[in-house]
PDB file of N, CA and C in Angstrom:
ATOM      1  N   UNK A   1       0.851  -1.168   0.000  1.00  0.00           N
ATOM      2  CA  UNK A   1       0.000   0.000   0.000  1.00  0.00           C
ATOM      3  C   UNK A   1       0.904   1.240   0.000  1.00  0.00           C
ATOM      4  N   UNK A   2       0.553   2.178  -0.824  1.00  0.00           N
ATOM      5  CA  UNK A   2       1.310   3.427  -0.860  1.00  0.00           C
ATOM      6  C   UNK A   2       0.999   4.267   0.356  1.00  0.00           C
ATOM      7  N   UNK A   3       1.898   5.179   0.677  1.00  0.00           N
ATOM      8  CA  UNK A   3       1.743   6.013   1.869  1.00  0.00           C
ATOM      9  C   UNK A   3       0.485   6.870   1.793  1.00  0.00           C
ATOM     10  N   UNK A   4       0.138   7.378   0.624  1.00  0.00           N
ATOM     11  CA  UNK A   4      -1.015   8.275   0.487  1.00  0.00           C
ATOM     12  C   UNK A   4      -2.345   7.541   0.451  1.00  0.00           C
ATOM     13  N   UNK A   5      -2.330   6.244   0.301  1.00  0.00           N
ATOM     14  CA  UNK A   5      -3.564   5.467   0.252  1.00  0.00           C
ATOM     15  C   UNK A   5      -4.007   5.111   1.668  1.00  0.00           C
ATOM     16  N   UNK A   6      -5.307   5.016   1.833  1.00  0.00           N
ATOM     17  CA  UNK A   6      -5.824   4.576   3.121  1.00  0.00           C
ATOM     18  C   UNK A   6      -6.648   3.324   2.903  1.00  0.00           C
ATOM     19  N   UNK A   7      -6.712   2.482   3.903  1.00  0.00           N
ATOM     20  CA  UNK A   7      -7.503   1.268   3.763  1.00  0.00           C
ATOM     21  C   UNK A   7      -8.972   1.640   3.697  1.00  0.00           C
ATOM     22  N   UNK A   8      -9.782   0.717   3.218  1.00  0.00           N
ATOM     23  CA  UNK A   8     -11.213   1.000   3.128  1.00  0.00           C
ATOM     24  C   UNK A   8     -11.809   1.212   4.517  1.00  0.00           C
ATOM     25  N   UNK A   9     -11.280   0.507   5.518  1.00  0.00           N
ATOM     26  CA  UNK A   9     -11.762   0.703   6.887  1.00  0.00           C
ATOM     27  C   UNK A   9     -11.442   2.112   7.375  1.00  0.00           C
ATOM     28  N   UNK A  10     -10.230   2.566   7.115  1.00  0.00           N
ATOM     29  CA  UNK A  10      -9.834   3.920   7.529  1.00  0.00           C
ATOM     30  C   UNK A  10     -10.685   4.965   6.813  1.00  0.00           C
ATOM     31  N   UNK A  11     -10.954   4.734   5.537  1.00  0.00           N
ATOM     32  CA  UNK A  11     -11.787   5.655   4.772  1.00  0.00           C
ATOM     33  C   UNK A  11     -13.205   5.702   5.314  1.00  0.00           C
ATOM     34  N   UNK A  12     -13.738   4.545   5.674  1.00  0.00           N
ATOM     35  CA  UNK A  12     -15.096   4.481   6.219  1.00  0.00           C
ATOM     36  C   UNK A  12     -15.176   5.202   7.558  1.00  0.00           C
ATOM     37  N   UNK A  13     -14.176   5.020   8.400  1.00  0.00           N
ATOM     38  CA  UNK A  13     -14.145   5.696   9.704  1.00  0.00           C
ATOM     39  C   UNK A  13     -14.073   7.204   9.508  1.00  0.00           C
ATOM     40  N   UNK A  14     -13.236   7.648   8.581  1.00  0.00           N
ATOM     41  CA  UNK A  14     -13.095   9.077   8.309  1.00  0.00           C
ATOM     42  C   UNK A  14     -14.412   9.663   7.806  1.00  0.00           C
ATOM     43  N   UNK A  15     -15.077   8.961   6.892  1.00  0.00           N
ATOM     44  CA  UNK A  15     -16.356   9.454   6.357  1.00  0.00           C
ATOM     45  C   UNK A  15     -17.425   9.511   7.447  1.00  0.00           C
ATOM     46  N   UNK A  16     -17.465   8.498   8.325  1.00  0.00           N
ATOM     47  CA  UNK A  16     -18.445   8.521   9.426  1.00  0.00           C
ATOM     48  C   UNK A  16     -18.188   9.710  10.336  1.00  0.00           C
ATOM     49  N   UNK A  17     -16.931   9.959  10.638  1.00  0.00           N
ATOM     50  CA  UNK A  17     -16.590  11.104  11.494  1.00  0.00           C
ATOM     51  C   UNK A  17     -16.984  12.419  10.820  1.00  0.00           C
ATOM     52  N   UNK A  18     -16.694  12.542   9.540  1.00  0.00           N
ATOM     53  CA  UNK A  18     -17.059  13.765   8.811  1.00  0.00           C
ATOM     54  C   UNK A  18     -18.569  13.958   8.778  1.00  0.00           C
ATOM     55  N   UNK A  19     -19.285  12.873   8.536  1.00  0.00           N
ATOM     56  CA  UNK A  19     -20.751  12.977   8.504  1.00  0.00           C
ATOM     57  C   UNK A  19     -21.306  13.336   9.882  1.00  0.00           C
ATOM     58  N   UNK A  20     -20.753  12.729  10.911  1.00  0.00           N
ATOM     59  CA  UNK A  20     -21.200  13.047  12.270  1.00  0.00           C
ATOM     60  C   UNK A  20     -20.966  14.524  12.569  1.00  0.00           C
ATOM     61  N   UNK A  21     -19.815  15.032  12.194  1.00  0.00           N
ATOM     62  CA  UNK A  21     -19.507  16.446  12.430  1.00  0.00           C
ATOM     63  C   UNK A  21     -20.419  17.348  11.593  1.00  0.00           C
ATOM     64  N   UNK A  22     -20.738  16.941  10.380  1.00  0.00           N
ATOM     65  CA  UNK A  22     -21.638  17.730   9.534  1.00  0.00           C
ATOM     66  C   UNK A  22     -23.027  17.806  10.155  1.00  0.00           C
ATOM     67  N   UNK A  23     -23.537  16.681  10.633  1.00  0.00           N
ATOM     68  CA  UNK A  23     -24.856  16.690  11.262  1.00  0.00           C
ATOM     69  C   UNK A  23     -24.830  17.532  12.537  1.00  0.00           C
ATOM     70  N   UNK A  24     -23.778  17.405  13.321  1.00  0.00           N
ATOM     71  CA  UNK A  24     -23.648  18.221  14.531  1.00  0.00           C
ATOM     72  C   UNK A  24     -23.651  19.697  14.178  1.00  0.00           C
ATOM     73  N   UNK A  25     -22.956  20.067  13.105  1.00  0.00           N
ATOM     74  CA  UNK A  25     -22.912  21.468  12.681  1.00  0.00           C
ATOM     75  C   UNK A  25     -24.290  21.976  12.284  1.00  0.00           C
ATOM     76  N   UNK A  26     -25.083  21.127  11.673  1.00  0.00           N
ATOM     77  CA  UNK A  26     -26.438  21.517  11.278  1.00  0.00           C
ATOM     78  C   UNK A  26     -27.300  21.776  12.517  1.00  0.00           C
ATOM     79  N   UNK A  27     -27.154  20.949  13.530  1.00  0.00           N
ATOM     80  CA  UNK A  27     -27.911  21.165  14.765  1.00  0.00           C
ATOM     81  C   UNK A  27     -27.370  22.367  15.526  1.00  0.00           C
ATOM     82  N   UNK A  28     -26.067  22.564  15.499  1.00  0.00           N
ATOM     83  CA  UNK A  28     -25.474  23.722  16.177  1.00  0.00           C
ATOM     84  C   UNK A  28     -25.989  25.016  15.563  1.00  0.00           C
ATOM     85  N   UNK A  29     -26.085  25.045  14.239  1.00  0.00           N
ATOM     86  CA  UNK A  29     -26.565  26.239  13.545  1.00  0.00           C
ATOM     87  C   UNK A  29     -27.967  26.632  14.012  1.00  0.00           C
ATOM     88  N   UNK A  30     -28.814  25.645  14.217  1.00  0.00           N
ATOM     89  CA  UNK A  30     -30.186  25.905  14.687  1.00  0.00           C
ATOM     90  C   UNK A  30     -30.196  26.179  16.198  1.00  0.00           C
ATOM     91  N   UNK A  31     -29.350  25.487  16.955  1.00  0.00           N
ATOM     92  CA  UNK A  31     -29.240  25.721  18.395  1.00  0.00           C
ATOM     93  C   UNK A  31     -30.194  24.914  19.241  1.00  0.00           C
ATOM     94  N   UNK A  32     -31.473  25.063  18.966  1.00  0.00           N
ATOM     95  CA  UNK A  32     -32.508  24.297  19.665  1.00  0.00           C
ATOM     96  C   UNK A  32     -33.756  24.335  18.820  1.00  0.00           C
ATOM     97  N   UNK A  33     -34.658  23.412  19.093  1.00  0.00           N
ATOM     98  CA  UNK A  33     -35.865  23.384  18.287  1.00  0.00           C
ATOM     99  C   UNK A  33     -36.810  22.277  18.683  1.00  0.00           C
ATOM    100  N   UNK A  34     -37.823  22.139  17.861  1.00  0.00           N
ATOM    101  CA  UNK A  34     -38.877  21.157  18.096  1.00  0.00           C
ATOM    102  C   UNK A  34     -38.567  19.863  17.346  1.00  0.00           C
ATOM    103  N   UNK A  35     -39.418  18.896  17.537  1.00  0.00           N
ATOM    104  CA  UNK A  35     -39.280  17.623  16.846  1.00  0.00           C
ATOM    105  C   UNK A  35     -39.378  17.823  15.335  1.00  0.00           C
ATOM    106  N   UNK A  36     -40.235  18.728  14.882  1.00  0.00           N
ATOM    107  CA  UNK A  36     -40.348  18.964  13.435  1.00  0.00           C
ATOM    108  C   UNK A  36     -39.079  19.629  12.895  1.00  0.00           C
ATOM    109  N   UNK A  37     -38.431  20.486  13.684  1.00  0.00           N
ATOM    110  CA  UNK A  37     -37.145  21.065  13.275  1.00  0.00           C
ATOM    111  C   UNK A  37     -36.107  19.957  13.109  1.00  0.00           C
ATOM    112  N   UNK A  38     -36.095  19.035  14.062  1.00  0.00           N
ATOM    113  CA  UNK A  38     -35.167  17.897  14.017  1.00  0.00           C
ATOM    114  C   UNK A  38     -35.384  17.080  12.749  1.00  0.00           C
ATOM    115  N   UNK A  39     -36.629  16.774  12.438  1.00  0.00           N
ATOM    116  CA  UNK A  39     -36.943  15.977  11.249  1.00  0.00           C
ATOM    117  C   UNK A  39     -36.518  16.698   9.976  1.00  0.00           C
ATOM    118  N   UNK A  40     -36.685  18.015   9.956  1.00  0.00           N
ATOM    119  CA  UNK A  40     -36.245  18.793   8.800  1.00  0.00           C
ATOM    120  C   UNK A  40     -34.741  18.755   8.620  1.00  0.00           C
ATOM    121  N   UNK A  41     -34.011  18.868   9.714  1.00  0.00           N
ATOM    122  CA  UNK A  41     -32.550  18.805   9.659  1.00  0.00           C
ATOM    123  C   UNK A  41     -32.103  17.419   9.198  1.00  0.00           C
ATOM    124  N   UNK A  42     -32.731  16.380   9.723  1.00  0.00           N
ATOM    125  CA  UNK A  42     -32.368  15.021   9.319  1.00  0.00           C
ATOM    126  C   UNK A  42     -32.659  14.778   7.839  1.00  0.00           C
ATOM    127  N   UNK A  43     -33.759  15.313   7.333  1.00  0.00           N
ATOM    128  CA  UNK A  43     -34.083  15.160   5.911  1.00  0.00           C
ATOM    129  C   UNK A  43     -33.052  15.887   5.042  1.00  0.00           C
ATOM    130  N   UNK A  44     -32.687  17.089   5.433  1.00  0.00           N
ATOM    131  CA  UNK A  44     -31.689  17.854   4.694  1.00  0.00           C
ATOM    132  C   UNK A  44     -30.338  17.132   4.708  1.00  0.00           C
ATOM    133  N   UNK A  45     -29.952  16.641   5.874  1.00  0.00           N
ATOM    134  CA  UNK A  45     -28.702  15.891   6.014  1.00  0.00           C
ATOM    135  C   UNK A  45     -28.731  14.653   5.123  1.00  0.00           C
ATOM    136  N   UNK A  46     -29.834  13.938   5.129  1.00  0.00           N
ATOM    137  CA  UNK A  46     -29.980  12.729   4.329  1.00  0.00           C
ATOM    138  C   UNK A  46     -29.767  13.039   2.848  1.00  0.00           C
ATOM    139  N   UNK A  47     -30.372  14.110   2.382  1.00  0.00           N
ATOM    140  CA  UNK A  47     -30.239  14.491   0.980  1.00  0.00           C
ATOM    141  C   UNK A  47     -28.820  14.955   0.653  1.00  0.00           C
ATOM    142  N   UNK A  48     -28.243  15.778   1.500  1.00  0.00           N
ATOM    143  CA  UNK A  48     -26.913  16.327   1.231  1.00  0.00           C
ATOM    144  C   UNK A  48     -25.821  15.266   1.284  1.00  0.00           C
ATOM    145  N   UNK A  49     -25.929  14.350   2.216  1.00  0.00           N
ATOM    146  CA  UNK A  49     -24.885  13.343   2.413  1.00  0.00           C
ATOM    147  C   UNK A  49     -25.143  12.055   1.635  1.00  0.00           C
ATOM    148  N   UNK A  50     -26.334  11.931   1.050  1.00  0.00           N
ATOM    149  CA  UNK A  50     -26.645  10.733   0.282  1.00  0.00           C
ATOM    150  C   UNK A  50     -26.832   9.495   1.126  1.00  0.00           C
ATOM    151  N   UNK A  51     -27.380   9.682   2.325  1.00  0.00           N
ATOM    152  CA  UNK A  51     -27.660   8.541   3.199  1.00  0.00           C
ATOM    153  C   UNK A  51     -29.167   8.409   3.361  1.00  0.00           C
ATOM    154  N   UNK A  52     -29.608   7.228   3.759  1.00  0.00           N
ATOM    155  CA  UNK A  52     -31.033   7.007   3.973  1.00  0.00           C
ATOM    156  C   UNK A  52     -31.496   7.775   5.218  1.00  0.00           C
ATOM    157  N   UNK A  53     -32.792   7.982   5.305  1.00  0.00           N
ATOM    158  CA  UNK A  53     -33.347   8.641   6.489  1.00  0.00           C
ATOM    159  C   UNK A  53     -33.063   7.803   7.737  1.00  0.00           C
ATOM    160  N   UNK A  54     -33.113   6.499   7.585  1.00  0.00           N
ATOM    161  CA  UNK A  54     -32.794   5.601   8.709  1.00  0.00           C
ATOM    162  C   UNK A  54     -31.366   5.830   9.190  1.00  0.00           C
ATOM    163  N   UNK A  55     -30.428   5.925   8.256  1.00  0.00           N
ATOM    164  CA  UNK A  55     -29.027   6.151   8.610  1.00  0.00           C
ATOM    165  C   UNK A  55     -28.861   7.527   9.265  1.00  0.00           C
ATOM    166  N   UNK A  56     -29.579   8.544   8.768  1.00  0.00           N
ATOM    167  CA  UNK A  56     -29.525   9.878   9.375  1.00  0.00           C
ATOM    168  C   UNK A  56     -29.989   9.814  10.827  1.00  0.00           C
ATOM    169  N   UNK A  57     -31.027   9.024  11.094  1.00  0.00           N
ATOM    170  CA  UNK A  57     -31.519   8.876  12.461  1.00  0.00           C
ATOM    171  C   UNK A  57     -30.502   8.148  13.333  1.00  0.00           C
ATOM    172  N   UNK A  58     -29.749   7.231  12.745  1.00  0.00           N
ATOM    173  CA  UNK A  58     -28.684   6.563  13.503  1.00  0.00           C
ATOM    174  C   UNK A  58     -27.598   7.558  13.897  1.00  0.00           C
ATOM    175  N   UNK A  59     -27.237   8.450  12.978  1.00  0.00           N
ATOM    176  CA  UNK A  59     -26.256   9.487  13.302  1.00  0.00           C
ATOM    177  C   UNK A  59     -26.797  10.394  14.410  1.00  0.00           C
ATOM    178  N   UNK A  60     -28.073  10.756  14.332  1.00  0.00           N
ATOM    179  CA  UNK A  60     -28.691  11.581  15.372  1.00  0.00           C
ATOM    180  C   UNK A  60     -28.640  10.860  16.717  1.00  0.00           C
ATOM    181  N   UNK A  61     -28.909   9.563  16.699  1.00  0.00           N
ATOM    182  CA  UNK A  61     -28.861   8.773  17.929  1.00  0.00           C
ATOM    183  C   UNK A  61     -27.468   8.801  18.550  1.00  0.00           C
ATOM    184  N   UNK A  62     -26.439   8.774  17.712  1.00  0.00           N
ATOM    185  CA  UNK A  62     -25.064   8.876  18.213  1.00  0.00           C
ATOM    186  C   UNK A  62     -24.836  10.224  18.901  1.00  0.00           C
ATOM    187  N   UNK A  63     -25.353  11.298  18.306  1.00  0.00           N
ATOM    188  CA  UNK A  63     -25.200  12.624  18.909  1.00  0.00           C
ATOM    189  C   UNK A  63     -25.922  12.694  20.256  1.00  0.00           C
ATOM    190  N   UNK A  64     -27.074  12.056  20.336  1.00  0.00           N
ATOM    191  CA  UNK A  64     -27.812  11.992  21.606  1.00  0.00           C
ATOM    192  C   UNK A  64     -27.010  11.221  22.649  1.00  0.00           C
ATOM    193  N   UNK A  65     -26.544  10.056  22.258  1.00  0.00           N
ATOM    194  CA  UNK A  65     -25.801   9.202  23.182  1.00  0.00           C
ATOM    195  C   UNK A  65     -24.525   9.851  23.689  1.00  0.00           C
ATOM    196  N   UNK A  66     -23.906  10.660  22.847  1.00  0.00           N
ATOM    197  CA  UNK A  66     -22.664  11.345  23.233  1.00  0.00           C
ATOM    198  C   UNK A  66     -22.940  12.609  24.045  1.00  0.00           C
ATOM    199  N   UNK A  67     -24.198  13.008  24.159  1.00  0.00           N
ATOM    200  CA  UNK A  67     -24.552  14.184  24.946  1.00  0.00           C
ATOM    201  C   UNK A  67     -24.447  15.502  24.198  1.00  0.00           C
ATOM    202  N   UNK A  68     -24.241  15.452  22.896  1.00  0.00           N
ATOM    203  CA  UNK A  68     -24.137  16.680  22.115  1.00  0.00           C
ATOM    204  C   UNK A  68     -25.502  17.312  21.886  1.00  0.00           C
ATOM    205  N   UNK A  69     -26.523  16.475  21.849  1.00  0.00           N
ATOM    206  CA  UNK A  69     -27.905  16.929  21.730  1.00  0.00           C
ATOM    207  C   UNK A  69     -28.646  16.418  22.953  1.00  0.00           C
ATOM    208  N   UNK A  70     -29.411  17.309  23.569  1.00  0.00           N
ATOM    209  CA  UNK A  70     -30.218  16.913  24.731  1.00  0.00           C
ATOM    210  C   UNK A  70     -31.685  17.084  24.387  1.00  0.00           C
ATOM    211  N   UNK A  71     -32.481  16.089  24.733  1.00  0.00           N
ATOM    212  CA  UNK A  71     -33.923  16.180  24.544  1.00  0.00           C
ATOM    213  C   UNK A  71     -34.529  16.872  25.753  1.00  0.00           C
ATOM    214  N   UNK A  72     -35.558  17.676  25.498  1.00  0.00           N
ATOM    215  CA  UNK A  72     -36.194  18.449  26.568  1.00  0.00           C
ATOM    216  C   UNK A  72     -37.707  18.354  26.437  1.00  0.00           C
ATOM    217  N   UNK A  73     -38.369  18.653  27.504  1.00  0.00           N
ATOM    218  CA  UNK A  73     -39.833  18.752  27.523  1.00  0.00           C
ATOM    219  C   UNK A  73     -40.511  17.501  26.985  1.00  0.00           C
ATOM    220  N   UNK A  74     -40.160  16.365  27.533  1.00  0.00           N
ATOM    221  CA  UNK A  74     -40.801  15.117  27.125  1.00  0.00           C
ATOM    222  C   UNK A  74     -40.450  14.704  25.707  1.00  0.00           C
ATOM    223  N   UNK A  75     -39.249  14.993  25.281  1.00  0.00           N
ATOM    224  CA  UNK A  75     -38.734  14.600  23.974  1.00  0.00           C
ATOM    225  C   UNK A  75     -39.376  15.360  22.818  1.00  0.00           C
ATOM    226  N   UNK A  76     -40.143  16.399  23.101  1.00  0.00           N
ATOM    227  CA  UNK A  76     -40.741  17.201  22.039  1.00  0.00           C
ATOM    228  C   UNK A  76     -39.802  18.279  21.535  1.00  0.00           C
ATOM    229  N   UNK A  77     -38.769  18.569  22.285  1.00  0.00           N
ATOM    230  CA  UNK A  77     -37.801  19.598  21.910  1.00  0.00           C
ATOM    231  C   UNK A  77     -36.385  19.096  22.168  1.00  0.00           C
ATOM    232  N   UNK A  78     -35.435  19.733  21.521  1.00  0.00           N
ATOM    233  CA  UNK A  78     -34.037  19.365  21.678  1.00  0.00           C
ATOM    234  C   UNK A  78     -33.212  20.643  21.795  1.00  0.00           C
ATOM    235  N   UNK A  79     -31.980  20.458  22.299  1.00  0.00           N
ATOM    236  CA  UNK A  79     -31.057  21.586  22.425  1.00  0.00           C
ATOM    237  C   UNK A  79     -29.641  21.089  22.178  1.00  0.00           C
ATOM    238  N   UNK A  80     -28.869  21.854  21.428  1.00  0.00           N
ATOM    239  CA  UNK A  80     -27.471  21.530  21.141  1.00  0.00           C
ATOM    240  C   UNK A  80     -26.626  21.948  22.338  1.00  0.00           C
ATOM    241  N   UNK A  81     -25.751  21.072  22.795  1.00  0.00           N
ATOM    242  CA  UNK A  81     -24.901  21.361  23.951  1.00  0.00           C
ATOM    243  C   UNK A  81     -23.503  21.745  23.480  1.00  0.00           C
ATOM    244  N   UNK A  82     -23.249  23.041  23.414  1.00  0.00           N
ATOM    245  CA  UNK A  82     -21.960  23.549  22.924  1.00  0.00           C
ATOM    246  C   UNK A  82     -20.804  23.115  23.817  1.00  0.00           C
ATOM    247  N   UNK A  83     -21.056  22.922  25.093  1.00  0.00           N
ATOM    248  CA  UNK A  83     -19.986  22.507  26.003  1.00  0.00           C
ATOM    249  C   UNK A  83     -19.485  21.096  25.701  1.00  0.00           C
ATOM    250  N   UNK A  84     -20.371  20.245  25.235  1.00  0.00           N
ATOM    251  CA  UNK A  84     -19.991  18.865  24.923  1.00  0.00           C
ATOM    252  C   UNK A  84     -19.208  18.769  23.615  1.00  0.00           C
ATOM    253  N   UNK A  85     -19.303  19.803  22.787  1.00  0.00           N
ATOM    254  CA  UNK A  85     -18.678  19.783  21.465  1.00  0.00           C
ATOM    255  C   UNK A  85     -17.164  19.575  21.530  1.00  0.00           C
ATOM    256  N   UNK A  86     -16.496  20.343  22.350  1.00  0.00           N
ATOM    257  CA  UNK A  86     -15.036  20.234  22.410  1.00  0.00           C
ATOM    258  C   UNK A  86     -14.613  18.873  22.933  1.00  0.00           C
ATOM    259  N   UNK A  87     -15.294  18.398  23.955  1.00  0.00           N
ATOM    260  CA  UNK A  87     -14.961  17.085  24.515  1.00  0.00           C
ATOM    261  C   UNK A  87     -15.099  15.981  23.476  1.00  0.00           C
ATOM    262  N   UNK A  88     -16.110  16.099  22.644  1.00  0.00           N
ATOM    263  CA  UNK A  88     -16.415  15.053  21.682  1.00  0.00           C
ATOM    264  C   UNK A  88     -15.498  15.088  20.461  1.00  0.00           C
ATOM    265  N   UNK A  89     -15.318  16.255  19.876  1.00  0.00           N
ATOM    266  CA  UNK A  89     -14.595  16.361  18.619  1.00  0.00           C
ATOM    267  C   UNK A  89     -13.199  16.968  18.738  1.00  0.00           C
ATOM    268  N   UNK A  90     -12.888  17.591  19.831  1.00  0.00           N
ATOM    269  CA  UNK A  90     -11.606  18.278  20.025  1.00  0.00           C
ATOM    270  C   UNK A  90     -11.401  19.415  19.034  1.00  0.00           C
ATOM    271  N   UNK A  91     -12.498  19.851  18.419  1.00  0.00           N
ATOM    272  CA  UNK A  91     -12.498  21.026  17.543  1.00  0.00           C
ATOM    273  C   UNK A  91     -13.819  21.753  17.758  1.00  0.00           C
ATOM    274  N   UNK A  92     -13.826  23.027  17.451  1.00  0.00           N
ATOM    275  CA  UNK A  92     -15.085  23.762  17.490  1.00  0.00           C
ATOM    276  C   UNK A  92     -15.692  23.697  16.108  1.00  0.00           C
ATOM    277  N   UNK A  93     -16.916  23.247  16.044  1.00  0.00           N
ATOM    278  CA  UNK A  93     -17.598  23.067  14.765  1.00  0.00           C
ATOM    279  C   UNK A  93     -18.150  24.392  14.292  1.00  0.00           C
TER     280      UNK A  93
END
């Protein structure tokens, strides 16, 4: 393997990380919102990244599990947690 080439596993990991950061950036831009705002962001992400809506929801679930997005008011609303961003990505999105 040449030095500039990456394995398919490394490429897949890099793409997942990039997609996760892109989705996080979309939620950060909005800041907080309702369930319908969330669905709109996931639909836009799905179209832009070329992933299924199911896969977009899996990425959202990862953001929830990592604490970057918090659900509020009985799961009808969400809020982006800027403090968790640095811990998670080691960069400001």
